[in-house]
Amino acid sequence: MQYGLKRLTEVVKLNLQLRAQPIMWMGIKSVLQHIGQQQVYDDRTLLVPKPKINSGF
């Protein structure tokens, strides 16, 4: 079963109050829980862009 963008989006939504790095770790934790003890042959990359509120842009 695939992890999927929907699941990752939910993790991000639940942690929007956090800074980018903790959001990243919550995403990684969620993916690792999903994988469990399965062997993974693909690489994994996660980017967490977080805009600054009221940054003037």
PDB file of N, CA and C in Angstrom:
ATOM      1  N   MET A   1       0.838  -1.174   0.000  1.00  0.00           N
ATOM      2  CA  MET A   1       0.000   0.000   0.000  1.00  0.00           C
ATOM      3  C   MET A   1       0.889   1.245   0.000  1.00  0.00           C
ATOM      4  N   GLN A   2       0.526   2.195  -0.831  1.00  0.00           N
ATOM      5  CA  GLN A   2       1.304   3.418  -0.990  1.00  0.00           C
ATOM      6  C   GLN A   2       0.973   4.412   0.122  1.00  0.00           C
ATOM      7  N   TYR A   3       1.982   5.154   0.560  1.00  0.00           N
ATOM      8  CA  TYR A   3       1.786   6.159   1.613  1.00  0.00           C
ATOM      9  C   TYR A   3       0.877   7.276   1.098  1.00  0.00           C
ATOM     10  N   GLY A   4       1.247   7.937   0.052  1.00  0.00           N
ATOM     11  CA  GLY A   4       0.378   8.891  -0.632  1.00  0.00           C
ATOM     12  C   GLY A   4       0.440  10.324  -0.143  1.00  0.00           C
ATOM     13  N   LEU A   5       0.145  11.204  -1.074  1.00  0.00           N
ATOM     14  CA  LEU A   5       0.154  12.641  -0.818  1.00  0.00           C
ATOM     15  C   LEU A   5      -0.942  13.042   0.165  1.00  0.00           C
ATOM     16  N   LYS A   6      -2.089  12.383   0.108  1.00  0.00           N
ATOM     17  CA  LYS A   6      -3.192  12.723   1.005  1.00  0.00           C
ATOM     18  C   LYS A   6      -2.778  12.549   2.469  1.00  0.00           C
ATOM     19  N   ARG A   7      -2.119  11.452   2.768  1.00  0.00           N
ATOM     20  CA  ARG A   7      -1.683  11.191   4.149  1.00  0.00           C
ATOM     21  C   ARG A   7      -0.637  12.210   4.593  1.00  0.00           C
ATOM     22  N   LEU A   8       0.312  12.518   3.712  1.00  0.00           N
ATOM     23  CA  LEU A   8       1.333  13.508   4.052  1.00  0.00           C
ATOM     24  C   LEU A   8       0.710  14.881   4.264  1.00  0.00           C
ATOM     25  N   THR A   9      -0.272  15.230   3.433  1.00  0.00           N
ATOM     26  CA  THR A   9      -0.958  16.511   3.575  1.00  0.00           C
ATOM     27  C   THR A   9      -1.637  16.612   4.937  1.00  0.00           C
ATOM     28  N   GLU A  10      -2.232  15.536   5.398  1.00  0.00           N
ATOM     29  CA  GLU A  10      -2.879  15.535   6.712  1.00  0.00           C
ATOM     30  C   GLU A  10      -1.859  15.764   7.834  1.00  0.00           C
ATOM     31  N   VAL A  11      -0.695  15.135   7.724  1.00  0.00           N
ATOM     32  CA  VAL A  11       0.358  15.331   8.732  1.00  0.00           C
ATOM     33  C   VAL A  11       0.770  16.794   8.768  1.00  0.00           C
ATOM     34  N   VAL A  12       0.941  17.393   7.599  1.00  0.00           N
ATOM     35  CA  VAL A  12       1.339  18.803   7.532  1.00  0.00           C
ATOM     36  C   VAL A  12       0.242  19.689   8.113  1.00  0.00           C
ATOM     37  N   LYS A  13      -1.001  19.455   7.731  1.00  0.00           N
ATOM     38  CA  LYS A  13      -2.121  20.266   8.238  1.00  0.00           C
ATOM     39  C   LYS A  13      -2.210  20.211   9.762  1.00  0.00           C
ATOM     40  N   LEU A  14      -1.983  19.045  10.328  1.00  0.00           N
ATOM     41  CA  LEU A  14      -2.065  18.893  11.776  1.00  0.00           C
ATOM     42  C   LEU A  14      -0.927  19.595  12.513  1.00  0.00           C
ATOM     43  N   ASN A  15       0.122  19.976  11.780  1.00  0.00           N
ATOM     44  CA  ASN A  15       1.304  20.551  12.415  1.00  0.00           C
ATOM     45  C   ASN A  15       1.683  21.914  11.859  1.00  0.00           C
ATOM     46  N   LEU A  16       0.742  22.613  11.236  1.00  0.00           N
ATOM     47  CA  LEU A  16       1.033  23.909  10.623  1.00  0.00           C
ATOM     48  C   LEU A  16       1.575  24.950  11.600  1.00  0.00           C
ATOM     49  N   GLN A  17       1.261  24.799  12.871  1.00  0.00           N
ATOM     50  CA  GLN A  17       1.722  25.772  13.863  1.00  0.00           C
ATOM     51  C   GLN A  17       3.218  25.636  14.136  1.00  0.00           C
ATOM     52  N   LEU A  18       3.814  24.535  13.701  1.00  0.00           N
ATOM     53  CA  LEU A  18       5.242  24.284  13.941  1.00  0.00           C
ATOM     54  C   LEU A  18       6.107  24.915  12.864  1.00  0.00           C
ATOM     55  N   ARG A  19       7.379  25.008  13.143  1.00  0.00           N
ATOM     56  CA  ARG A  19       8.349  25.475  12.149  1.00  0.00           C
ATOM     57  C   ARG A  19       8.600  24.345  11.151  1.00  0.00           C
ATOM     58  N   ALA A  20       9.311  24.642  10.082  1.00  0.00           N
ATOM     59  CA  ALA A  20       9.513  23.679   8.994  1.00  0.00           C
ATOM     60  C   ALA A  20      10.218  22.397   9.454  1.00  0.00           C
ATOM     61  N   GLN A  21      11.271  22.515  10.263  1.00  0.00           N
ATOM     62  CA  GLN A  21      12.018  21.318  10.649  1.00  0.00           C
ATOM     63  C   GLN A  21      11.180  20.336  11.475  1.00  0.00           C
ATOM     64  N   PRO A  22      10.422  20.778  12.480  1.00  0.00           N
ATOM     65  CA  PRO A  22       9.564  19.813  13.179  1.00  0.00           C
ATOM     66  C   PRO A  22       8.489  19.199  12.278  1.00  0.00           C
ATOM     67  N   ILE A  23       7.974  19.973  11.323  1.00  0.00           N
ATOM     68  CA  ILE A  23       7.013  19.411  10.377  1.00  0.00           C
ATOM     69  C   ILE A  23       7.681  18.302   9.567  1.00  0.00           C
ATOM     70  N   MET A  24       8.911  18.551   9.153  1.00  0.00           N
ATOM     71  CA  MET A  24       9.662  17.547   8.406  1.00  0.00           C
ATOM     72  C   MET A  24       9.791  16.265   9.230  1.00  0.00           C
ATOM     73  N   TRP A  25      10.164  16.391  10.507  1.00  0.00           N
ATOM     74  CA  TRP A  25      10.340  15.208  11.343  1.00  0.00           C
ATOM     75  C   TRP A  25       9.021  14.482  11.589  1.00  0.00           C
ATOM     76  N   MET A  26       7.919  15.214  11.683  1.00  0.00           N
ATOM     77  CA  MET A  26       6.612  14.571  11.832  1.00  0.00           C
ATOM     78  C   MET A  26       6.272  13.776  10.570  1.00  0.00           C
ATOM     79  N   GLY A  27       6.611  14.331   9.402  1.00  0.00           N
ATOM     80  CA  GLY A  27       6.389  13.617   8.146  1.00  0.00           C
ATOM     81  C   GLY A  27       7.232  12.362   8.054  1.00  0.00           C
ATOM     82  N   ILE A  28       8.492  12.479   8.421  1.00  0.00           N
ATOM     83  CA  ILE A  28       9.385  11.315   8.396  1.00  0.00           C
ATOM     84  C   ILE A  28       8.893  10.239   9.360  1.00  0.00           C
ATOM     85  N   LYS A  29       8.493  10.648  10.551  1.00  0.00           N
ATOM     86  CA  LYS A  29       7.979   9.694  11.540  1.00  0.00           C
ATOM     87  C   LYS A  29       6.750   8.961  11.000  1.00  0.00           C
ATOM     88  N   SER A  30       5.866   9.704  10.349  1.00  0.00           N
ATOM     89  CA  SER A  30       4.661   9.112   9.787  1.00  0.00           C
ATOM     90  C   SER A  30       4.989   8.101   8.690  1.00  0.00           C
ATOM     91  N   VAL A  31       5.928   8.459   7.822  1.00  0.00           N
ATOM     92  CA  VAL A  31       6.331   7.542   6.746  1.00  0.00           C
ATOM     93  C   VAL A  31       6.974   6.290   7.326  1.00  0.00           C
ATOM     94  N   LEU A  32       7.858   6.457   8.300  1.00  0.00           N
ATOM     95  CA  LEU A  32       8.521   5.300   8.909  1.00  0.00           C
ATOM     96  C   LEU A  32       7.525   4.388   9.619  1.00  0.00           C
ATOM     97  N   GLN A  33       6.513   4.970  10.260  1.00  0.00           N
ATOM     98  CA  GLN A  33       5.475   4.148  10.886  1.00  0.00           C
ATOM     99  C   GLN A  33       4.704   3.367   9.827  1.00  0.00           C
ATOM    100  N   HIS A  34       4.466   3.997   8.693  1.00  0.00           N
ATOM    101  CA  HIS A  34       3.756   3.336   7.599  1.00  0.00           C
ATOM    102  C   HIS A  34       4.584   2.172   7.035  1.00  0.00           C
ATOM    103  N   ILE A  35       5.878   2.398   6.892  1.00  0.00           N
ATOM    104  CA  ILE A  35       6.772   1.378   6.323  1.00  0.00           C
ATOM    105  C   ILE A  35       6.909   0.188   7.269  1.00  0.00           C
ATOM    106  N   GLY A  36       7.008   0.480   8.558  1.00  0.00           N
ATOM    107  CA  GLY A  36       7.195  -0.594   9.540  1.00  0.00           C
ATOM    108  C   GLY A  36       8.507  -1.313   9.310  1.00  0.00           C
ATOM    109  N   GLN A  37       8.478  -2.624   9.266  1.00  0.00           N
ATOM    110  CA  GLN A  37       9.681  -3.435   9.096  1.00  0.00           C
ATOM    111  C   GLN A  37       9.940  -3.834   7.645  1.00  0.00           C
ATOM    112  N   GLN A  38       9.161  -3.285   6.722  1.00  0.00           N
ATOM    113  CA  GLN A  38       9.316  -3.650   5.313  1.00  0.00           C
ATOM    114  C   GLN A  38      10.644  -3.140   4.755  1.00  0.00           C
ATOM    115  N   GLN A  39      11.209  -3.883   3.845  1.00  0.00           N
ATOM    116  CA  GLN A  39      12.414  -3.475   3.135  1.00  0.00           C
ATOM    117  C   GLN A  39      12.037  -2.425   2.100  1.00  0.00           C
ATOM    118  N   VAL A  40      12.764  -1.312   2.063  1.00  0.00           N
ATOM    119  CA  VAL A  40      12.486  -0.228   1.120  1.00  0.00           C
ATOM    120  C   VAL A  40      13.645  -0.143   0.127  1.00  0.00           C
ATOM    121  N   TYR A  41      13.301  -0.153  -1.170  1.00  0.00           N
ATOM    122  CA  TYR A  41      14.327  -0.117  -2.211  1.00  0.00           C
ATOM    123  C   TYR A  41      14.409   1.231  -2.901  1.00  0.00           C
ATOM    124  N   ASP A  42      13.421   2.081  -2.705  1.00  0.00           N
ATOM    125  CA  ASP A  42      13.442   3.415  -3.300  1.00  0.00           C
ATOM    126  C   ASP A  42      14.046   4.403  -2.322  1.00  0.00           C
ATOM    127  N   ASP A  43      14.570   5.501  -2.878  1.00  0.00           N
ATOM    128  CA  ASP A  43      15.049   6.566  -2.009  1.00  0.00           C
ATOM    129  C   ASP A  43      13.850   7.409  -1.584  1.00  0.00           C
ATOM    130  N   ARG A  44      14.042   8.207  -0.563  1.00  0.00           N
ATOM    131  CA  ARG A  44      12.974   9.057  -0.049  1.00  0.00           C
ATOM    132  C   ARG A  44      13.503  10.471   0.082  1.00  0.00           C
ATOM    133  N   THR A  45      12.730  11.425  -0.402  1.00  0.00           N
ATOM    134  CA  THR A  45      13.083  12.831  -0.291  1.00  0.00           C
ATOM    135  C   THR A  45      11.860  13.591   0.190  1.00  0.00           C
ATOM    136  N   LEU A  46      12.054  14.457   1.151  1.00  0.00           N
ATOM    137  CA  LEU A  46      10.953  15.253   1.675  1.00  0.00           C
ATOM    138  C   LEU A  46      11.414  16.697   1.800  1.00  0.00           C
ATOM    139  N   LEU A  47      10.720  17.596   1.127  1.00  0.00           N
ATOM    140  CA  LEU A  47      10.980  19.027   1.246  1.00  0.00           C
ATOM    141  C   LEU A  47       9.814  19.648   1.980  1.00  0.00           C
ATOM    142  N   VAL A  48      10.108  20.552   2.898  1.00  0.00           N
ATOM    143  CA  VAL A  48       9.048  21.233   3.636  1.00  0.00           C
ATOM    144  C   VAL A  48       9.246  22.732   3.491  1.00  0.00           C
ATOM    145  N   PRO A  49       8.710  23.315   2.417  1.00  0.00           N
ATOM    146  CA  PRO A  49       8.791  24.778   2.301  1.00  0.00           C
ATOM    147  C   PRO A  49       7.743  25.399   3.215  1.00  0.00           C
ATOM    148  N   LYS A  50       8.113  26.401   3.934  1.00  0.00           N
ATOM    149  CA  LYS A  50       7.171  27.064   4.827  1.00  0.00           C
ATOM    150  C   LYS A  50       7.339  28.571   4.647  1.00  0.00           C
ATOM    151  N   PRO A  51       6.325  29.218   4.063  1.00  0.00           N
ATOM    152  CA  PRO A  51       6.441  30.666   3.847  1.00  0.00           C
ATOM    153  C   PRO A  51       6.383  31.420   5.169  1.00  0.00           C
ATOM    154  N   LYS A  52       7.057  32.545   5.193  1.00  0.00           N
ATOM    155  CA  LYS A  52       6.983  33.406   6.363  1.00  0.00           C
ATOM    156  C   LYS A  52       5.713  34.237   6.259  1.00  0.00           C
ATOM    157  N   ILE A  53       4.964  34.283   7.322  1.00  0.00           N
ATOM    158  CA  ILE A  53       3.741  35.084   7.339  1.00  0.00           C
ATOM    159  C   ILE A  53       4.129  36.556   7.469  1.00  0.00           C
ATOM    160  N   ASN A  54       3.459  37.380   6.669  1.00  0.00           N
ATOM    161  CA  ASN A  54       3.716  38.823   6.663  1.00  0.00           C
ATOM    162  C   ASN A  54       5.168  39.144   6.299  1.00  0.00           C
ATOM    163  N   SER A  55       5.712  38.412   5.350  1.00  0.00           N
ATOM    164  CA  SER A  55       7.107  38.644   4.955  1.00  0.00           C
ATOM    165  C   SER A  55       7.221  39.799   3.961  1.00  0.00           C
ATOM    166  N   GLY A  56       6.103  40.349   3.524  1.00  0.00           N
ATOM    167  CA  GLY A  56       6.161  41.483   2.608  1.00  0.00           C
ATOM    168  C   GLY A  56       6.081  41.065   1.154  1.00  0.00           C
ATOM    169  N   PHE A  57       5.940  39.772   0.875  1.00  0.00           N
ATOM    170  CA  PHE A  57       5.834  39.313  -0.502  1.00  0.00           C
ATOM    171  C   PHE A  57       4.412  39.014  -0.851  1.00  0.00           C
TER     172      PHE A  57
END
